[in-house]
């Protein structure tokens, strides 16, 4: 499945950031010419951001229903519920992943 890609200039990116959700990823783009079109106002620009939709989260905690975008984040979170940390401080007993 192809990702939907749009572009945002610096001004519009600031507006988008104020209402930004975790569903969008911003990557800087630049060109010697004004070869990108801002999705908000259709104005050409040479330096700005490529906006892509984040993939749907695929890991959720069975204990508290929090959703994670990466397996590593989900695994570290699961240690908090089970207290079965893979490593533990010998001096203080605090666990970490």
PDB file of N, CA and C in Angstrom:
ATOM      1  N   UNK A   1       0.833  -1.183   0.000  1.00  0.00           N
ATOM      2  CA  UNK A   1       0.000   0.000   0.000  1.00  0.00           C
ATOM      3  C   UNK A   1       0.877   1.245   0.000  1.00  0.00           C
ATOM      4  N   UNK A   2       0.609   2.179  -0.914  1.00  0.00           N
ATOM      5  CA  UNK A   2       1.381   3.405  -1.012  1.00  0.00           C
ATOM      6  C   UNK A   2       0.977   4.369   0.091  1.00  0.00           C
ATOM      7  N   UNK A   3       1.983   5.065   0.623  1.00  0.00           N
ATOM      8  CA  UNK A   3       1.706   6.057   1.656  1.00  0.00           C
ATOM      9  C   UNK A   3       1.232   7.352   1.013  1.00  0.00           C
ATOM     10  N   UNK A   4       0.320   8.027   1.676  1.00  0.00           N
ATOM     11  CA  UNK A   4      -0.154   9.327   1.226  1.00  0.00           C
ATOM     12  C   UNK A   4       0.850  10.369   1.707  1.00  0.00           C
ATOM     13  N   UNK A   5       1.382  11.136   0.750  1.00  0.00           N
ATOM     14  CA  UNK A   5       2.402  12.132   1.076  1.00  0.00           C
ATOM     15  C   UNK A   5       1.891  13.506   0.659  1.00  0.00           C
ATOM     16  N   UNK A   6       2.055  14.481   1.542  1.00  0.00           N
ATOM     17  CA  UNK A   6       1.761  15.868   1.209  1.00  0.00           C
ATOM     18  C   UNK A   6       2.909  16.710   1.741  1.00  0.00           C
ATOM     19  N   UNK A   7       2.903  17.993   1.425  1.00  0.00           N
ATOM     20  CA  UNK A   7       3.990  18.873   1.841  1.00  0.00           C
ATOM     21  C   UNK A   7       3.435  20.087   2.566  1.00  0.00           C
ATOM     22  N   UNK A   8       4.209  20.609   3.500  1.00  0.00           N
ATOM     23  CA  UNK A   8       3.816  21.798   4.259  1.00  0.00           C
ATOM     24  C   UNK A   8       5.006  22.745   4.343  1.00  0.00           C
ATOM     25  N   UNK A   9       4.765  24.029   4.092  1.00  0.00           N
ATOM     26  CA  UNK A   9       5.824  25.026   4.254  1.00  0.00           C
ATOM     27  C   UNK A   9       6.040  25.276   5.749  1.00  0.00           C
ATOM     28  N   UNK A  10       7.068  26.040   6.098  1.00  0.00           N
ATOM     29  CA  UNK A  10       7.374  26.296   7.509  1.00  0.00           C
ATOM     30  C   UNK A  10       6.217  26.971   8.244  1.00  0.00           C
ATOM     31  N   UNK A  11       5.565  27.936   7.587  1.00  0.00           N
ATOM     32  CA  UNK A  11       4.472  28.662   8.234  1.00  0.00           C
ATOM     33  C   UNK A  11       3.315  27.724   8.548  1.00  0.00           C
ATOM     34  N   UNK A  12       2.930  26.930   7.572  1.00  0.00           N
ATOM     35  CA  UNK A  12       1.804  26.010   7.776  1.00  0.00           C
ATOM     36  C   UNK A  12       2.158  24.886   8.745  1.00  0.00           C
ATOM     37  N   UNK A  13       3.410  24.485   8.762  1.00  0.00           N
ATOM     38  CA  UNK A  13       3.831  23.423   9.682  1.00  0.00           C
ATOM     39  C   UNK A  13       3.626  23.868  11.121  1.00  0.00           C
ATOM     40  N   UNK A  14       3.895  25.137  11.409  1.00  0.00           N
ATOM     41  CA  UNK A  14       3.679  25.651  12.757  1.00  0.00           C
ATOM     42  C   UNK A  14       2.205  25.583  13.132  1.00  0.00           C
ATOM     43  N   UNK A  15       1.337  25.890  12.184  1.00  0.00           N
ATOM     44  CA  UNK A  15      -0.106  25.797  12.433  1.00  0.00           C
ATOM     45  C   UNK A  15      -0.513  24.347  12.646  1.00  0.00           C
ATOM     46  N   UNK A  16       0.039  23.455  11.812  1.00  0.00           N
ATOM     47  CA  UNK A  16      -0.293  22.041  11.928  1.00  0.00           C
ATOM     48  C   UNK A  16       0.216  21.460  13.241  1.00  0.00           C
ATOM     49  N   UNK A  17       1.386  21.926  13.689  1.00  0.00           N
ATOM     50  CA  UNK A  17       1.967  21.402  14.928  1.00  0.00           C
ATOM     51  C   UNK A  17       1.103  21.715  16.133  1.00  0.00           C
ATOM     52  N   UNK A  18       0.408  22.840  16.093  1.00  0.00           N
ATOM     53  CA  UNK A  18      -0.426  23.198  17.232  1.00  0.00           C
ATOM     54  C   UNK A  18      -1.609  22.258  17.380  1.00  0.00           C
ATOM     55  N   UNK A  19      -2.047  21.676  16.273  1.00  0.00           N
ATOM     56  CA  UNK A  19      -3.150  20.722  16.343  1.00  0.00           C
ATOM     57  C   UNK A  19      -2.706  19.308  15.954  1.00  0.00           C
ATOM     58  N   UNK A  20      -1.384  19.121  15.908  1.00  0.00           N
ATOM     59  CA  UNK A  20      -0.809  17.856  15.463  1.00  0.00           C
ATOM     60  C   UNK A  20      -1.211  16.697  16.367  1.00  0.00           C
ATOM     61  N   UNK A  21      -1.515  15.611  15.740  1.00  0.00           N
ATOM     62  CA  UNK A  21      -1.766  14.376  16.475  1.00  0.00           C
ATOM     63  C   UNK A  21      -0.573  13.474  16.260  1.00  0.00           C
ATOM     64  N   UNK A  22      -0.571  12.342  16.880  1.00  0.00           N
ATOM     65  CA  UNK A  22       0.531  11.403  16.718  1.00  0.00           C
ATOM     66  C   UNK A  22       0.395  10.594  15.433  1.00  0.00           C
ATOM     67  N   UNK A  23      -0.549  10.973  14.564  1.00  0.00           N
ATOM     68  CA  UNK A  23      -0.798  10.211  13.351  1.00  0.00           C
ATOM     69  C   UNK A  23      -0.017  10.727  12.155  1.00  0.00           C
ATOM     70  N   UNK A  24       0.771  11.784  12.325  1.00  0.00           N
ATOM     71  CA  UNK A  24       1.512  12.354  11.223  1.00  0.00           C
ATOM     72  C   UNK A  24       2.998  12.404  11.542  1.00  0.00           C
ATOM     73  N   UNK A  25       3.811  12.206  10.493  1.00  0.00           N
ATOM     74  CA  UNK A  25       5.262  12.270  10.622  1.00  0.00           C
ATOM     75  C   UNK A  25       5.745  13.412   9.734  1.00  0.00           C
ATOM     76  N   UNK A  26       6.604  14.283  10.272  1.00  0.00           N
ATOM     77  CA  UNK A  26       7.141  15.408   9.522  1.00  0.00           C
ATOM     78  C   UNK A  26       8.620  15.181   9.255  1.00  0.00           C
ATOM     79  N   UNK A  27       9.016  15.236   7.975  1.00  0.00           N
ATOM     80  CA  UNK A  27      10.421  15.116   7.584  1.00  0.00           C
ATOM     81  C   UNK A  27      10.786  16.355   6.773  1.00  0.00           C
ATOM     82  N   UNK A  28      11.939  16.939   7.080  1.00  0.00           N
ATOM     83  CA  UNK A  28      12.372  18.137   6.357  1.00  0.00           C
ATOM     84  C   UNK A  28      12.709  17.782   4.912  1.00  0.00           C
ATOM     85  N   UNK A  29      12.349  18.672   4.018  1.00  0.00           N
ATOM     86  CA  UNK A  29      12.692  18.532   2.604  1.00  0.00           C
ATOM     87  C   UNK A  29      13.217  19.869   2.114  1.00  0.00           C
ATOM     88  N   UNK A  30      14.070  19.821   1.094  1.00  0.00           N
ATOM     89  CA  UNK A  30      14.571  21.065   0.502  1.00  0.00           C
ATOM     90  C   UNK A  30      14.939  20.813  -0.959  1.00  0.00           C
ATOM     91  N   UNK A  31      14.936  21.883  -1.708  1.00  0.00           N
ATOM     92  CA  UNK A  31      15.255  21.833  -3.123  1.00  0.00           C
ATOM     93  C   UNK A  31      15.847  23.179  -3.507  1.00  0.00           C
ATOM     94  N   UNK A  32      16.679  23.208  -4.543  1.00  0.00           N
ATOM     95  CA  UNK A  32      17.224  24.483  -5.004  1.00  0.00           C
ATOM     96  C   UNK A  32      16.141  25.339  -5.644  1.00  0.00           C
ATOM     97  N   UNK A  33      15.108  24.700  -6.156  1.00  0.00           N
ATOM     98  CA  UNK A  33      14.003  25.420  -6.771  1.00  0.00           C
ATOM     99  C   UNK A  33      12.757  25.242  -5.893  1.00  0.00           C
ATOM    100  N   UNK A  34      11.770  26.061  -6.105  1.00  0.00           N
ATOM    101  CA  UNK A  34      10.507  25.930  -5.365  1.00  0.00           C
ATOM    102  C   UNK A  34       9.690  24.804  -6.002  1.00  0.00           C
ATOM    103  N   UNK A  35      10.051  23.585  -5.670  1.00  0.00           N
ATOM    104  CA  UNK A  35       9.438  22.444  -6.353  1.00  0.00           C
ATOM    105  C   UNK A  35       8.389  21.716  -5.523  1.00  0.00           C
ATOM    106  N   UNK A  36       8.086  22.198  -4.321  1.00  0.00           N
ATOM    107  CA  UNK A  36       7.066  21.578  -3.476  1.00  0.00           C
ATOM    108  C   UNK A  36       5.858  22.505  -3.384  1.00  0.00           C
ATOM    109  N   UNK A  37       4.677  21.929  -3.317  1.00  0.00           N
ATOM    110  CA  UNK A  37       3.454  22.718  -3.161  1.00  0.00           C
ATOM    111  C   UNK A  37       2.877  22.498  -1.770  1.00  0.00           C
ATOM    112  N   UNK A  38       2.646  23.578  -1.056  1.00  0.00           N
ATOM    113  CA  UNK A  38       2.062  23.494   0.281  1.00  0.00           C
ATOM    114  C   UNK A  38       0.626  22.981   0.169  1.00  0.00           C
ATOM    115  N   UNK A  39       0.303  21.950   0.925  1.00  0.00           N
ATOM    116  CA  UNK A  39      -1.029  21.347   0.870  1.00  0.00           C
ATOM    117  C   UNK A  39      -2.099  22.290   1.408  1.00  0.00           C
ATOM    118  N   UNK A  40      -1.722  23.188   2.295  1.00  0.00           N
ATOM    119  CA  UNK A  40      -2.689  24.092   2.918  1.00  0.00           C
ATOM    120  C   UNK A  40      -3.112  25.223   1.971  1.00  0.00           C
ATOM    121  N   UNK A  41      -2.123  25.861   1.300  1.00  0.00           N
ATOM    122  CA  UNK A  41      -2.423  27.036   0.476  1.00  0.00           C
ATOM    123  C   UNK A  41      -1.993  26.894  -0.986  1.00  0.00           C
ATOM    124  N   UNK A  42      -1.482  25.758  -1.376  1.00  0.00           N
ATOM    125  CA  UNK A  42      -1.031  25.490  -2.758  1.00  0.00           C
ATOM    126  C   UNK A  42       0.029  26.486  -3.234  1.00  0.00           C
ATOM    127  N   UNK A  43       0.853  26.976  -2.324  1.00  0.00           N
ATOM    128  CA  UNK A  43       1.936  27.878  -2.693  1.00  0.00           C
ATOM    129  C   UNK A  43       3.224  27.076  -2.823  1.00  0.00           C
ATOM    130  N   UNK A  44       4.050  27.389  -3.829  1.00  0.00           N
ATOM    131  CA  UNK A  44       5.307  26.665  -3.985  1.00  0.00           C
ATOM    132  C   UNK A  44       6.336  27.110  -2.938  1.00  0.00           C
ATOM    133  N   UNK A  45       7.184  26.172  -2.520  1.00  0.00           N
ATOM    134  CA  UNK A  45       8.261  26.497  -1.578  1.00  0.00           C
ATOM    135  C   UNK A  45       9.442  25.584  -1.836  1.00  0.00           C
ATOM    136  N   UNK A  46      10.619  25.988  -1.337  1.00  0.00           N
ATOM    137  CA  UNK A  46      11.826  25.193  -1.558  1.00  0.00           C
ATOM    138  C   UNK A  46      12.300  24.466  -0.301  1.00  0.00           C
ATOM    139  N   UNK A  47      11.916  24.958   0.876  1.00  0.00           N
ATOM    140  CA  UNK A  47      12.291  24.294   2.124  1.00  0.00           C
ATOM    141  C   UNK A  47      11.061  24.176   3.012  1.00  0.00           C
ATOM    142  N   UNK A  48      10.793  22.962   3.487  1.00  0.00           N
ATOM    143  CA  UNK A  48       9.630  22.748   4.328  1.00  0.00           C
ATOM    144  C   UNK A  48       9.593  21.328   4.843  1.00  0.00           C
ATOM    145  N   UNK A  49       8.412  20.732   4.848  1.00  0.00           N
ATOM    146  CA  UNK A  49       8.249  19.407   5.434  1.00  0.00           C
ATOM    147  C   UNK A  49       7.404  18.494   4.554  1.00  0.00           C
ATOM    148  N   UNK A  50       7.808  17.238   4.502  1.00  0.00           N
ATOM    149  CA  UNK A  50       6.994  16.197   3.897  1.00  0.00           C
ATOM    150  C   UNK A  50       6.143  15.607   5.016  1.00  0.00           C
ATOM    151  N   UNK A  51       4.853  15.509   4.797  1.00  0.00           N
ATOM    152  CA  UNK A  51       3.933  15.027   5.820  1.00  0.00           C
ATOM    153  C   UNK A  51       3.394  13.670   5.370  1.00  0.00           C
ATOM    154  N   UNK A  52       3.617  12.642   6.181  1.00  0.00           N
ATOM    155  CA  UNK A  52       3.091  11.311   5.871  1.00  0.00           C
ATOM    156  C   UNK A  52       2.272  10.816   7.049  1.00  0.00           C
ATOM    157  N   UNK A  53       1.342   9.961   6.741  1.00  0.00           N
ATOM    158  CA  UNK A  53       0.518   9.368   7.781  1.00  0.00           C
ATOM    159  C   UNK A  53       1.314   8.267   8.473  1.00  0.00           C
ATOM    160  N   UNK A  54       1.266   8.250   9.775  1.00  0.00           N
ATOM    161  CA  UNK A  54       1.930   7.198  10.548  1.00  0.00           C
ATOM    162  C   UNK A  54       1.129   5.911  10.384  1.00  0.00           C
ATOM    163  N   UNK A  55       1.848   4.797  10.337  1.00  0.00           N
ATOM    164  CA  UNK A  55       1.171   3.510  10.246  1.00  0.00           C
ATOM    165  C   UNK A  55       0.304   3.297  11.480  1.00  0.00           C
ATOM    166  N   UNK A  56      -0.730   2.540  11.311  1.00  0.00           N
ATOM    167  CA  UNK A  56      -1.627   2.268  12.431  1.00  0.00           C
ATOM    168  C   UNK A  56      -0.873   1.494  13.511  1.00  0.00           C
ATOM    169  N   UNK A  57      -1.113   1.821  14.760  1.00  0.00           N
ATOM    170  CA  UNK A  57      -0.445   1.101  15.839  1.00  0.00           C
ATOM    171  C   UNK A  57      -0.863  -0.363  15.834  1.00  0.00           C
ATOM    172  N   UNK A  58       0.094  -1.205  16.174  1.00  0.00           N
ATOM    173  CA  UNK A  58      -0.222  -2.629  16.122  1.00  0.00           C
ATOM    174  C   UNK A  58       0.006  -3.342  17.448  1.00  0.00           C
ATOM    175  N   UNK A  59       0.389  -2.618  18.472  1.00  0.00           N
ATOM    176  CA  UNK A  59       0.639  -3.241  19.771  1.00  0.00           C
ATOM    177  C   UNK A  59      -0.190  -2.530  20.832  1.00  0.00           C
ATOM    178  N   UNK A  60      -0.983  -3.258  21.570  1.00  0.00           N
ATOM    179  CA  UNK A  60      -1.761  -2.645  22.639  1.00  0.00           C
ATOM    180  C   UNK A  60      -1.589  -3.456  23.920  1.00  0.00           C
ATOM    181  N   UNK A  61      -1.595  -2.751  25.029  1.00  0.00           N
ATOM    182  CA  UNK A  61      -1.430  -3.370  26.340  1.00  0.00           C
ATOM    183  C   UNK A  61      -2.740  -4.057  26.730  1.00  0.00           C
ATOM    184  N   UNK A  62      -2.650  -5.307  27.115  1.00  0.00           N
ATOM    185  CA  UNK A  62      -3.837  -6.050  27.519  1.00  0.00           C
ATOM    186  C   UNK A  62      -4.325  -5.635  28.906  1.00  0.00           C
ATOM    187  N   UNK A  63      -3.447  -5.020  29.693  1.00  0.00           N
ATOM    188  CA  UNK A  63      -3.803  -4.594  31.044  1.00  0.00           C
ATOM    189  C   UNK A  63      -4.555  -3.259  31.066  1.00  0.00           C
ATOM    190  N   UNK A  64      -4.046  -2.281  30.287  1.00  0.00           N
ATOM    191  CA  UNK A  64      -4.616  -0.937  30.381  1.00  0.00           C
ATOM    192  C   UNK A  64      -5.024  -0.346  29.035  1.00  0.00           C
ATOM    193  N   UNK A  65      -4.942  -1.092  27.964  1.00  0.00           N
ATOM    194  CA  UNK A  65      -5.387  -0.685  26.626  1.00  0.00           C
ATOM    195  C   UNK A  65      -4.635   0.507  26.027  1.00  0.00           C
ATOM    196  N   UNK A  66      -3.425   0.787  26.483  1.00  0.00           N
ATOM    197  CA  UNK A  66      -2.608   1.809  25.842  1.00  0.00           C
ATOM    198  C   UNK A  66      -2.087   1.221  24.531  1.00  0.00           C
ATOM    199  N   UNK A  67      -2.043   2.035  23.480  1.00  0.00           N
ATOM    200  CA  UNK A  67      -1.619   1.581  22.160  1.00  0.00           C
ATOM    201  C   UNK A  67      -0.206   2.077  21.879  1.00  0.00           C
ATOM    202  N   UNK A  68       0.631   1.204  21.287  1.00  0.00           N
ATOM    203  CA  UNK A  68       2.029   1.522  20.991  1.00  0.00           C
ATOM    204  C   UNK A  68       2.314   1.332  19.517  1.00  0.00           C
ATOM    205  N   UNK A  69       3.228   2.147  18.978  1.00  0.00           N
ATOM    206  CA  UNK A  69       3.606   2.073  17.575  1.00  0.00           C
ATOM    207  C   UNK A  69       4.797   1.145  17.362  1.00  0.00           C
ATOM    208  N   UNK A  70       5.515   0.801  18.406  1.00  0.00           N
ATOM    209  CA  UNK A  70       6.658  -0.093  18.246  1.00  0.00           C
ATOM    210  C   UNK A  70       6.588  -1.219  19.275  1.00  0.00           C
ATOM    211  N   UNK A  71       7.134  -2.339  18.881  1.00  0.00           N
ATOM    212  CA  UNK A  71       7.139  -3.502  19.758  1.00  0.00           C
ATOM    213  C   UNK A  71       8.011  -3.244  20.993  1.00  0.00           C
ATOM    214  N   UNK A  72       9.120  -2.534  20.802  1.00  0.00           N
ATOM    215  CA  UNK A  72      10.024  -2.249  21.921  1.00  0.00           C
ATOM    216  C   UNK A  72       9.334  -1.413  22.996  1.00  0.00           C
ATOM    217  N   UNK A  73       8.569  -0.412  22.584  1.00  0.00           N
ATOM    218  CA  UNK A  73       7.846   0.421  23.552  1.00  0.00           C
ATOM    219  C   UNK A  73       6.806  -0.396  24.302  1.00  0.00           C
ATOM    220  N   UNK A  74       6.105  -1.238  23.567  1.00  0.00           N
ATOM    221  CA  UNK A  74       5.090  -2.105  24.187  1.00  0.00           C
ATOM    222  C   UNK A  74       5.737  -3.057  25.195  1.00  0.00           C
ATOM    223  N   UNK A  75       6.877  -3.636  24.844  1.00  0.00           N
ATOM    224  CA  UNK A  75       7.551  -4.584  25.727  1.00  0.00           C
ATOM    225  C   UNK A  75       8.004  -3.897  27.015  1.00  0.00           C
ATOM    226  N   UNK A  76       8.624  -2.735  26.903  1.00  0.00           N
ATOM    227  CA  UNK A  76       9.062  -2.005  28.105  1.00  0.00           C
ATOM    228  C   UNK A  76       7.871  -1.637  28.981  1.00  0.00           C
ATOM    229  N   UNK A  77       6.774  -1.255  28.378  1.00  0.00           N
ATOM    230  CA  UNK A  77       5.577  -0.923  29.145  1.00  0.00           C
ATOM    231  C   UNK A  77       5.037  -2.153  29.871  1.00  0.00           C
ATOM    232  N   UNK A  78       5.086  -3.313  29.226  1.00  0.00           N
ATOM    233  CA  UNK A  78       4.544  -4.526  29.848  1.00  0.00           C
ATOM    234  C   UNK A  78       5.320  -4.910  31.107  1.00  0.00           C
ATOM    235  N   UNK A  79       6.599  -4.542  31.167  1.00  0.00           N
ATOM    236  CA  UNK A  79       7.393  -4.824  32.378  1.00  0.00           C
ATOM    237  C   UNK A  79       6.853  -4.057  33.582  1.00  0.00           C
ATOM    238  N   UNK A  80       6.263  -2.896  33.340  1.00  0.00           N
ATOM    239  CA  UNK A  80       5.713  -2.103  34.440  1.00  0.00           C
ATOM    240  C   UNK A  80       4.564  -2.832  35.125  1.00  0.00           C
ATOM    241  N   UNK A  81       3.779  -3.570  34.354  1.00  0.00           N
ATOM    242  CA  UNK A  81       2.657  -4.314  34.934  1.00  0.00           C
ATOM    243  C   UNK A  81       3.115  -5.593  35.632  1.00  0.00           C
ATOM    244  N   UNK A  82       4.047  -6.296  35.008  1.00  0.00           N
ATOM    245  CA  UNK A  82       4.452  -7.603  35.539  1.00  0.00           C
ATOM    246  C   UNK A  82       5.591  -7.500  36.546  1.00  0.00           C
ATOM    247  N   UNK A  83       6.308  -6.386  36.514  1.00  0.00           N
ATOM    248  CA  UNK A  83       7.499  -6.183  37.343  1.00  0.00           C
ATOM    249  C   UNK A  83       8.565  -7.241  37.064  1.00  0.00           C
ATOM    250  N   UNK A  84       8.528  -7.813  35.868  1.00  0.00           N
ATOM    251  CA  UNK A  84       9.506  -8.827  35.448  1.00  0.00           C
ATOM    252  C   UNK A  84      10.531  -8.184  34.524  1.00  0.00           C
ATOM    253  N   UNK A  85      11.231  -7.199  35.041  1.00  0.00           N
ATOM    254  CA  UNK A  85      12.227  -6.478  34.253  1.00  0.00           C
ATOM    255  C   UNK A  85      13.387  -7.405  33.902  1.00  0.00           C
ATOM    256  N   UNK A  86      13.949  -7.292  32.703  1.00  0.00           N
ATOM    257  CA  UNK A  86      15.062  -8.168  32.330  1.00  0.00           C
ATOM    258  C   UNK A  86      16.351  -7.860  33.095  1.00  0.00           C
ATOM    259  N   UNK A  87      16.489  -6.637  33.579  1.00  0.00           N
ATOM    260  CA  UNK A  87      17.677  -6.239  34.336  1.00  0.00           C
ATOM    261  C   UNK A  87      17.227  -5.530  35.606  1.00  0.00           C
ATOM    262  N   UNK A  88      18.009  -5.686  36.648  1.00  0.00           N
ATOM    263  CA  UNK A  88      17.654  -5.051  37.906  1.00  0.00           C
ATOM    264  C   UNK A  88      18.907  -4.530  38.596  1.00  0.00           C
ATOM    265  N   UNK A  89      18.796  -3.340  39.165  1.00  0.00           N
ATOM    266  CA  UNK A  89      19.899  -2.746  39.899  1.00  0.00           C
ATOM    267  C   UNK A  89      20.108  -3.547  41.179  1.00  0.00           C
ATOM    268  N   UNK A  90      21.336  -4.025  41.378  1.00  0.00           N
ATOM    269  CA  UNK A  90      21.618  -4.844  42.566  1.00  0.00           C
ATOM    270  C   UNK A  90      21.579  -4.025  43.849  1.00  0.00           C
ATOM    271  N   UNK A  91      21.893  -2.750  43.742  1.00  0.00           N
ATOM    272  CA  UNK A  91      21.928  -1.924  44.930  1.00  0.00           C
ATOM    273  C   UNK A  91      20.543  -1.451  45.351  1.00  0.00           C
ATOM    274  N   UNK A  92      19.735  -0.991  44.390  1.00  0.00           N
ATOM    275  CA  UNK A  92      18.443  -0.404  44.734  1.00  0.00           C
ATOM    276  C   UNK A  92      17.244  -1.266  44.351  1.00  0.00           C
ATOM    277  N   UNK A  93      17.463  -2.329  43.582  1.00  0.00           N
ATOM    278  CA  UNK A  93      16.388  -3.217  43.197  1.00  0.00           C
ATOM    279  C   UNK A  93      15.465  -2.670  42.115  1.00  0.00           C
ATOM    280  N   UNK A  94      15.816  -1.528  41.543  1.00  0.00           N
ATOM    281  CA  UNK A  94      14.985  -0.921  40.505  1.00  0.00           C
ATOM    282  C   UNK A  94      15.211  -1.654  39.185  1.00  0.00           C
ATOM    283  N   UNK A  95      14.102  -1.999  38.496  1.00  0.00           N
ATOM    284  CA  UNK A  95      14.202  -2.713  37.246  1.00  0.00           C
ATOM    285  C   UNK A  95      14.288  -1.778  36.050  1.00  0.00           C
ATOM    286  N   UNK A  96      14.901  -2.247  34.970  1.00  0.00           N
ATOM    287  CA  UNK A  96      14.958  -1.499  33.731  1.00  0.00           C
ATOM    288  C   UNK A  96      15.051  -2.457  32.569  1.00  0.00           C
ATOM    289  N   UNK A  97      14.690  -1.964  31.378  1.00  0.00           N
ATOM    290  CA  UNK A  97      14.635  -2.803  30.186  1.00  0.00           C
ATOM    291  C   UNK A  97      15.717  -2.476  29.249  1.00  0.00           C
TER     292      UNK A  97
END
